[in-house]
Amino acid sequence: MKSALITIGATREFIDPVRYISNESSGLQGMAIIEELIKNKIKTICIYGHITAKKIISPYVKYIEATTGKSMLSAAKKHSNVDLAIFNAAVSDYRVKETSSIKIKKKNTLNLSLIKNTDILLSISSMKKRPKIVLGFAYETNNYKKYAKKKLIEKNCDYIVLNFPINNKKIFSSNKNNGLILDRNFNWIDIGYLTKKKFAKKIIQHVIKDVHDY
């Protein structure tokens, strides 16, 4: 395995020049995965939205900023000729149908028309010349395994990393994560509740080993 693409962080779907729809993703888990890819000397393209995590500077990684879901998909398509594609970014499910070019003044009520956003994972995994291995992430709060399995099938993935809260412990913007890996044969691999660096190491170690065994 020589090359990888990864999306990280949160997208921002703008309502007007100063307001947007987004989420709490910090890019911490994605950056920890990049660190592991670098350690394995895998040339990596990182497409990032809004992140608070510090970038790792290395000749093995190139960063491309993509604020919105639409721009992130465009960048991912341009760099999809890789051995491994990891979709860790938290892409907003919806975007505003019409973005105002000027700041919207305060009103008693504000109605927004939202449309479904770009499905980056499905778009890339369904390409005729798709990456050799596609790994997606799923964050669930209930029926974890059912929804993760459904996503793996519907999104045409080779792996899904399932994240879910444990004992009400925070995952977003935290230095720890919790979860499992589901592979293409519907095998579950327990990762557990670990620091995001250790969590990333287990993901990359498993994928590399599995690719060699496959």
Protein backbone atom coordinates (compact mmCIF):
# COMPACT_ATOMS: atom_id res chain seq x y z
CA MET A 1 0.00 0.00 0.00
CA LYS A 2 1.62 3.22 -1.21
CA SER A 3 -1.01 5.96 -1.42
CA ALA A 4 -4.01 7.20 0.55
CA LEU A 5 -6.70 9.85 0.50
CA ILE A 6 -8.39 11.00 3.71
CA THR A 7 -11.12 13.55 4.43
CA ILE A 8 -11.19 15.07 7.91
CA GLY A 9 -12.88 17.77 9.98
CA ALA A 10 -16.27 19.44 9.64
CA THR A 11 -17.80 20.98 6.54
CA ARG A 12 -19.47 24.38 6.73
CA GLU A 13 -22.60 25.02 4.68
CA PHE A 14 -23.09 28.77 4.60
CA ILE A 15 -26.41 30.51 5.22
CA ASP A 16 -24.91 33.95 4.57
CA PRO A 17 -21.33 35.31 4.63
CA VAL A 18 -21.03 34.85 8.43
CA ARG A 19 -23.41 32.04 9.41
CA TYR A 20 -23.29 28.38 8.53
CA ILE A 21 -24.47 24.85 9.35
CA SER A 22 -21.75 22.66 10.81
CA ASN A 23 -20.92 20.20 13.60
CA GLU A 24 -18.42 19.48 16.38
CA SER A 25 -15.84 17.47 14.44
CA SER A 26 -12.34 18.67 15.34
CA GLY A 27 -10.19 16.62 12.96
CA LEU A 28 -8.33 15.03 15.90
CA GLN A 29 -9.13 11.46 14.85
CA GLY A 30 -8.35 12.18 11.21
CA MET A 31 -5.00 13.74 12.08
CA ALA A 32 -4.14 10.71 14.24
CA ILE A 33 -4.85 8.47 11.24
CA ILE A 34 -2.62 10.64 9.06
CA GLU A 35 0.17 10.19 11.61
CA GLU A 36 -0.17 6.40 11.28
CA LEU A 37 -0.21 6.58 7.47
CA ILE A 38 3.00 8.61 7.58
CA LYS A 39 4.63 6.10 9.94
CA ASN A 40 3.87 3.43 7.35
CA LYS A 41 5.38 5.64 4.60
CA ILE A 42 2.07 5.93 2.77
CA LYS A 43 1.82 9.07 0.61
CA THR A 44 -1.33 10.84 1.75
CA ILE A 45 -3.65 13.52 0.40
CA CYS A 46 -5.66 15.12 3.21
CA ILE A 47 -8.80 17.01 2.24
CA TYR A 48 -9.93 18.98 5.25
CA GLY A 49 -12.83 21.16 6.30
CA HIS A 50 -12.83 23.13 9.55
CA ILE A 51 -10.37 21.58 12.01
CA THR A 52 -8.93 22.53 15.39
CA ALA A 53 -6.35 19.72 15.32
CA LYS A 54 -2.80 20.78 14.54
CA LYS A 55 -1.56 19.76 11.09
CA ILE A 56 1.28 17.24 10.91
CA ILE A 57 3.98 18.53 8.60
CA SER A 58 5.64 15.80 6.56
CA PRO A 59 6.77 15.18 2.97
CA TYR A 60 4.35 12.24 3.05
CA VAL A 61 1.23 14.40 3.36
CA LYS A 62 -0.34 17.14 1.22
CA TYR A 63 -3.23 19.25 2.54
CA ILE A 64 -6.12 20.57 0.47
CA GLU A 65 -8.75 22.78 2.10
CA ALA A 66 -12.39 22.14 1.15
CA THR A 67 -14.91 24.01 3.27
CA THR A 68 -18.19 22.70 1.88
CA GLY A 69 -19.44 19.23 1.06
CA LYS A 70 -19.57 20.13 -2.62
CA SER A 71 -15.95 21.33 -2.71
CA MET A 72 -14.81 18.33 -0.67
CA LEU A 73 -16.37 15.94 -3.20
CA SER A 74 -14.73 17.80 -6.08
CA ALA A 75 -11.31 17.54 -4.44
CA ALA A 76 -11.85 13.86 -3.55
CA LYS A 77 -12.71 13.02 -7.16
CA LYS A 78 -9.52 14.67 -8.39
CA HIS A 79 -7.38 12.62 -6.00
CA SER A 80 -9.26 9.30 -5.96
CA ASN A 81 -6.55 7.30 -7.75
CA VAL A 82 -5.17 5.85 -4.49
CA ASP A 83 -4.77 2.49 -2.79
CA LEU A 84 -6.77 3.52 0.29
CA ALA A 85 -9.49 6.16 0.73
CA ILE A 86 -10.63 7.02 4.25
CA PHE A 87 -13.71 9.18 4.73
CA ASN A 88 -13.47 10.55 8.25
CA ALA A 89 -14.85 14.06 7.66
CA ALA A 90 -18.19 14.94 9.23
CA VAL A 91 -20.03 16.26 6.19
CA SER A 92 -23.23 18.18 6.88
CA ASP A 93 -26.26 16.16 5.82
CA TYR A 94 -27.98 19.27 4.45
CA ARG A 95 -27.05 22.57 2.85
CA VAL A 96 -29.03 25.76 2.36
CA LYS A 97 -30.85 25.84 -0.95
CA GLU A 98 -30.02 29.52 -1.52
CA THR A 99 -27.11 31.18 0.27
CA SER A 100 -27.55 34.90 0.90
CA SER A 101 -24.73 37.04 -0.51
CA ILE A 102 -25.26 39.60 2.28
CA LYS A 103 -25.63 39.17 6.03
CA ILE A 104 -29.23 38.38 6.96
CA LYS A 105 -30.61 40.87 9.47
CA LYS A 106 -32.09 39.66 12.75
CA LYS A 107 -35.79 38.80 12.58
CA ASN A 108 -38.31 37.25 14.96
CA THR A 109 -38.28 34.10 12.82
CA LEU A 110 -36.09 32.77 10.03
CA ASN A 111 -37.11 29.98 7.71
CA LEU A 112 -34.40 28.13 5.82
CA SER A 113 -34.95 25.83 2.87
CA LEU A 114 -32.52 22.91 3.14
CA ILE A 115 -31.60 20.34 0.51
CA LYS A 116 -29.78 17.05 0.92
CA ASN A 117 -26.04 17.44 0.66
CA THR A 118 -23.54 15.58 -1.44
CA ASP A 119 -22.83 11.97 -0.41
CA ILE A 120 -19.08 11.94 -0.78
CA LEU A 121 -18.50 8.38 0.42
CA LEU A 122 -21.06 6.86 -1.95
CA SER A 123 -19.93 9.03 -4.86
CA ILE A 124 -16.30 7.91 -4.60
CA SER A 125 -17.00 4.26 -3.76
CA SER A 126 -19.31 3.99 -6.79
CA MET A 127 -16.82 5.38 -9.30
CA LYS A 128 -15.79 3.09 -12.13
CA LYS A 129 -12.15 3.63 -11.16
CA ARG A 130 -12.62 3.75 -7.41
CA PRO A 131 -9.84 3.55 -4.81
CA LYS A 132 -8.73 -0.03 -4.15
CA ILE A 133 -9.91 0.10 -0.55
CA VAL A 134 -12.68 2.39 0.75
CA LEU A 135 -13.14 2.94 4.48
CA GLY A 136 -16.00 4.97 5.87
CA PHE A 137 -16.93 6.11 9.37
CA ALA A 138 -20.32 5.90 11.06
CA TYR A 139 -21.25 7.60 14.32
CA GLU A 140 -24.38 6.09 15.86
CA THR A 141 -26.24 6.58 19.14
CA ASN A 142 -28.53 3.52 18.93
CA ASN A 143 -28.81 0.24 17.00
CA TYR A 144 -25.08 0.66 16.33
CA LYS A 145 -24.31 -2.55 14.46
CA LYS A 146 -27.51 -2.55 12.43
CA TYR A 147 -26.90 0.95 11.05
CA ALA A 148 -23.20 0.34 10.46
CA LYS A 149 -23.90 -2.83 8.46
CA LYS A 150 -26.56 -0.99 6.47
CA LYS A 151 -24.09 1.80 5.69
CA LEU A 152 -21.34 -0.60 4.60
CA ILE A 153 -23.72 -2.23 2.10
CA GLU A 154 -25.41 0.94 0.83
CA LYS A 155 -22.19 2.93 0.52
CA ASN A 156 -20.27 0.08 -1.17
CA CYS A 157 -17.46 0.18 1.41
CA ASP A 158 -14.75 -2.34 2.24
CA TYR A 159 -14.73 -1.22 5.87
CA ILE A 160 -16.84 0.83 8.23
CA VAL A 161 -15.39 2.17 11.47
CA LEU A 162 -18.33 2.36 13.87
CA ASN A 163 -18.10 5.02 16.57
CA PHE A 164 -20.61 5.20 19.41
CA PRO A 165 -20.72 6.82 22.86
CA ILE A 166 -19.80 4.78 25.92
CA ASN A 167 -21.07 5.61 29.41
CA ASN A 168 -21.99 9.12 28.20
CA LYS A 169 -18.33 9.87 27.53
CA LYS A 170 -17.72 12.51 24.86
CA ILE A 171 -16.13 11.51 21.56
CA PHE A 172 -16.31 14.67 19.45
CA SER A 173 -13.54 17.15 20.34
CA SER A 174 -12.19 14.62 22.85
CA ASN A 175 -8.80 12.90 22.80
CA LYS A 176 -10.51 9.49 23.07
CA ASN A 177 -12.70 7.42 20.79
CA ASN A 178 -14.73 4.24 21.03
CA GLY A 179 -15.76 1.72 18.43
CA LEU A 180 -15.48 -1.30 16.17
CA ILE A 181 -14.43 -2.11 12.61
CA LEU A 182 -16.80 -3.93 10.26
CA ASP A 183 -15.20 -5.54 7.21
CA ARG A 184 -16.57 -6.58 3.81
CA ASN A 185 -17.30 -10.11 5.14
CA PHE A 186 -19.33 -8.66 8.03
CA ASN A 187 -16.73 -9.54 10.63
CA TRP A 188 -16.55 -7.27 13.67
CA ILE A 189 -13.19 -6.26 15.12
CA ASP A 190 -13.27 -4.60 18.52
CA ILE A 191 -11.12 -1.49 18.88
CA GLY A 192 -12.43 -0.39 22.26
CA TYR A 193 -12.26 2.90 24.15
CA LEU A 194 -8.80 4.33 23.49
CA THR A 195 -6.94 7.54 22.82
CA LYS A 196 -7.47 8.66 19.25
CA LYS A 197 -3.82 7.94 18.44
CA LYS A 198 -4.13 4.32 19.62
CA PHE A 199 -7.51 4.06 17.92
CA ALA A 200 -5.93 5.21 14.63
CA LYS A 201 -3.05 2.76 15.00
CA LYS A 202 -5.45 -0.18 15.36
CA ILE A 203 -7.41 0.88 12.26
CA ILE A 204 -4.35 1.21 10.01
CA GLN A 205 -2.68 -1.94 11.36
CA HIS A 206 -5.84 -3.95 10.70
CA VAL A 207 -6.40 -2.59 7.19
CA ILE A 208 -2.79 -3.14 6.13
CA LYS A 209 -2.75 -6.68 7.53
CA ASP A 210 -6.12 -7.50 6.00
CA VAL A 211 -5.03 -6.22 2.58
CA HIS A 212 -1.92 -8.42 2.72
CA ASP A 213 -4.03 -11.44 3.73
CA TYR A 214 -6.82 -10.79 1.25
